[in-house]
Amino acid sequence: MNRPGDSTDLDQDPIFRLLASGEARTLAEAEEKYLDAALPEAYALLESGLSHEELERHPLMVMYRVHGSRGWEDSIL
C-alpha cells in the first residue's frame, strides 16, 4: 500500500501532473497539451527502427491515434 510521499505510477503520469499542477483544467486540455509537447518524442519513435506493430502498440502512438487528427476548422488550409 502506498503512503503519502511514496511515488506511484500516477505520480509519473504526465497527464496527471498537468492536471494536478493546474496547468490544465480538464482531461481533454491536459491530453492536448501533452500531445503537443510530445511531438519530438513521436518523431524519434518513428525514426527509431521499431516495427509497425511495435509503433502501433506504443502508448504515445495509441494516444495520438485515439485523439485523431485536428478538425477541418483547425486546419491551416
C-alpha atoms as a PDB file:
ATOM      1  CA  MET A   1       0.000   0.000   0.000  1.00  0.00           C
ATOM      2  CA  ASN A   2       1.314   3.439  -0.920  1.00  0.00           C
ATOM      3  CA  ARG A   3       1.701   6.002   1.827  1.00  0.00           C
ATOM      4  CA  PRO A   4       1.763   9.779   1.438  1.00  0.00           C
ATOM      5  CA  GLY A   5       5.054  10.768  -0.130  1.00  0.00           C
ATOM      6  CA  ASP A   6       5.525   7.417  -1.866  1.00  0.00           C
ATOM      7  CA  SER A   7       5.999   7.608  -5.614  1.00  0.00           C
ATOM      8  CA  THR A   8       3.254   5.897  -7.608  1.00  0.00           C
ATOM      9  CA  ASP A   9       2.690   5.266 -11.261  1.00  0.00           C
ATOM     10  CA  LEU A  10       0.120   8.058 -11.166  1.00  0.00           C
ATOM     11  CA  ASP A  11       2.793  10.496  -9.966  1.00  0.00           C
ATOM     12  CA  GLN A  12       4.784   9.704 -13.090  1.00  0.00           C
ATOM     13  CA  ASP A  13       1.855  10.190 -15.476  1.00  0.00           C
ATOM     14  CA  PRO A  14       2.334  13.415 -17.467  1.00  0.00           C
ATOM     15  CA  ILE A  15      -1.420  13.916 -17.898  1.00  0.00           C
ATOM     16  CA  PHE A  16      -1.987  13.651 -14.136  1.00  0.00           C
ATOM     17  CA  ARG A  17       0.868  16.073 -13.475  1.00  0.00           C
ATOM     18  CA  LEU A  18      -0.660  18.677 -15.824  1.00  0.00           C
ATOM     19  CA  LEU A  19      -3.983  18.376 -14.012  1.00  0.00           C
ATOM     20  CA  ALA A  20      -2.508  18.310 -10.507  1.00  0.00           C
ATOM     21  CA  SER A  21      -0.299  21.331 -11.183  1.00  0.00           C
ATOM     22  CA  GLY A  22      -3.192  23.349 -12.557  1.00  0.00           C
ATOM     23  CA  GLU A  23      -1.553  23.707 -15.979  1.00  0.00           C
ATOM     24  CA  ALA A  24      -4.669  22.076 -17.425  1.00  0.00           C
ATOM     25  CA  ARG A  25      -8.213  22.344 -16.125  1.00  0.00           C
ATOM     26  CA  THR A  26      -9.734  19.363 -17.933  1.00  0.00           C
ATOM     27  CA  LEU A  27      -8.587  15.938 -19.036  1.00  0.00           C
ATOM     28  CA  ALA A  28      -9.019  16.914 -22.681  1.00  0.00           C
ATOM     29  CA  GLU A  29      -6.894  20.033 -22.186  1.00  0.00           C
ATOM     30  CA  ALA A  30      -4.188  18.030 -20.383  1.00  0.00           C
ATOM     31  CA  GLU A  31      -4.086  15.418 -23.130  1.00  0.00           C
ATOM     32  CA  GLU A  32      -3.884  18.100 -25.824  1.00  0.00           C
ATOM     33  CA  LYS A  33      -1.008  19.857 -24.037  1.00  0.00           C
ATOM     34  CA  TYR A  34       0.809  16.564 -23.543  1.00  0.00           C
ATOM     35  CA  LEU A  35       0.413  15.507 -27.175  1.00  0.00           C
ATOM     36  CA  ASP A  36       1.578  18.903 -28.441  1.00  0.00           C
ATOM     37  CA  ALA A  37       4.688  18.672 -26.251  1.00  0.00           C
ATOM     38  CA  ALA A  38       5.333  15.031 -27.175  1.00  0.00           C
ATOM     39  CA  LEU A  39       5.750  15.575 -30.928  1.00  0.00           C
ATOM     40  CA  PRO A  40       9.575  15.364 -30.769  1.00  0.00           C
ATOM     41  CA  GLU A  41       9.260  12.039 -28.929  1.00  0.00           C
ATOM     42  CA  ALA A  42       6.812  10.778 -31.574  1.00  0.00           C
ATOM     43  CA  TYR A  43       9.212  11.749 -34.373  1.00  0.00           C
ATOM     44  CA  ALA A  44      12.046   9.969 -32.558  1.00  0.00           C
ATOM     45  CA  LEU A  45       9.905   6.848 -32.268  1.00  0.00           C
ATOM     46  CA  LEU A  46       9.148   6.944 -35.989  1.00  0.00           C
ATOM     47  CA  GLU A  47      12.870   7.133 -36.754  1.00  0.00           C
ATOM     48  CA  SER A  48      13.829   4.512 -34.157  1.00  0.00           C
ATOM     49  CA  GLY A  49      13.520   1.475 -36.378  1.00  0.00           C
ATOM     50  CA  LEU A  50      10.627  -0.016 -34.426  1.00  0.00           C
ATOM     51  CA  SER A  51       8.390  -2.279 -36.488  1.00  0.00           C
ATOM     52  CA  HIS A  52       4.931  -1.105 -37.488  1.00  0.00           C
ATOM     53  CA  GLU A  53       3.466  -3.464 -34.900  1.00  0.00           C
ATOM     54  CA  GLU A  54       5.696  -2.051 -32.142  1.00  0.00           C
ATOM     55  CA  LEU A  55       4.829   1.523 -33.115  1.00  0.00           C
ATOM     56  CA  GLU A  56       1.154   0.618 -33.217  1.00  0.00           C
ATOM     57  CA  ARG A  57       1.293  -0.650 -29.612  1.00  0.00           C
ATOM     58  CA  HIS A  58       3.417   2.167 -28.178  1.00  0.00           C
ATOM     59  CA  PRO A  59       1.311   4.147 -25.637  1.00  0.00           C
ATOM     60  CA  LEU A  60       2.163   7.518 -27.167  1.00  0.00           C
ATOM     61  CA  MET A  61       1.170   6.424 -30.645  1.00  0.00           C
ATOM     62  CA  VAL A  62      -2.022   4.863 -29.298  1.00  0.00           C
ATOM     63  CA  MET A  63      -2.890   8.194 -27.694  1.00  0.00           C
ATOM     64  CA  TYR A  64      -2.293  10.079 -30.952  1.00  0.00           C
ATOM     65  CA  ARG A  65      -4.465   7.576 -32.804  1.00  0.00           C
ATOM     66  CA  VAL A  66      -7.275   7.802 -30.251  1.00  0.00           C
ATOM     67  CA  HIS A  67      -7.284  11.584 -30.463  1.00  0.00           C
ATOM     68  CA  GLY A  68      -7.234  11.575 -34.248  1.00  0.00           C
ATOM     69  CA  SER A  69      -6.303  14.497 -36.389  1.00  0.00           C
ATOM     70  CA  ARG A  70      -7.442  18.066 -35.962  1.00  0.00           C
ATOM     71  CA  GLY A  71     -10.833  19.053 -37.312  1.00  0.00           C
ATOM     72  CA  TRP A  72     -11.109  20.994 -40.522  1.00  0.00           C
ATOM     73  CA  GLU A  73     -11.718  24.221 -38.601  1.00  0.00           C
ATOM     74  CA  ASP A  74      -8.214  23.887 -37.109  1.00  0.00           C
ATOM     75  CA  SER A  75      -6.611  23.199 -40.464  1.00  0.00           C
ATOM     76  CA  ILE A  76      -4.103  25.652 -41.870  1.00  0.00           C
ATOM     77  CA  LEU A  77      -5.786  25.322 -45.282  1.00  0.00           C
END
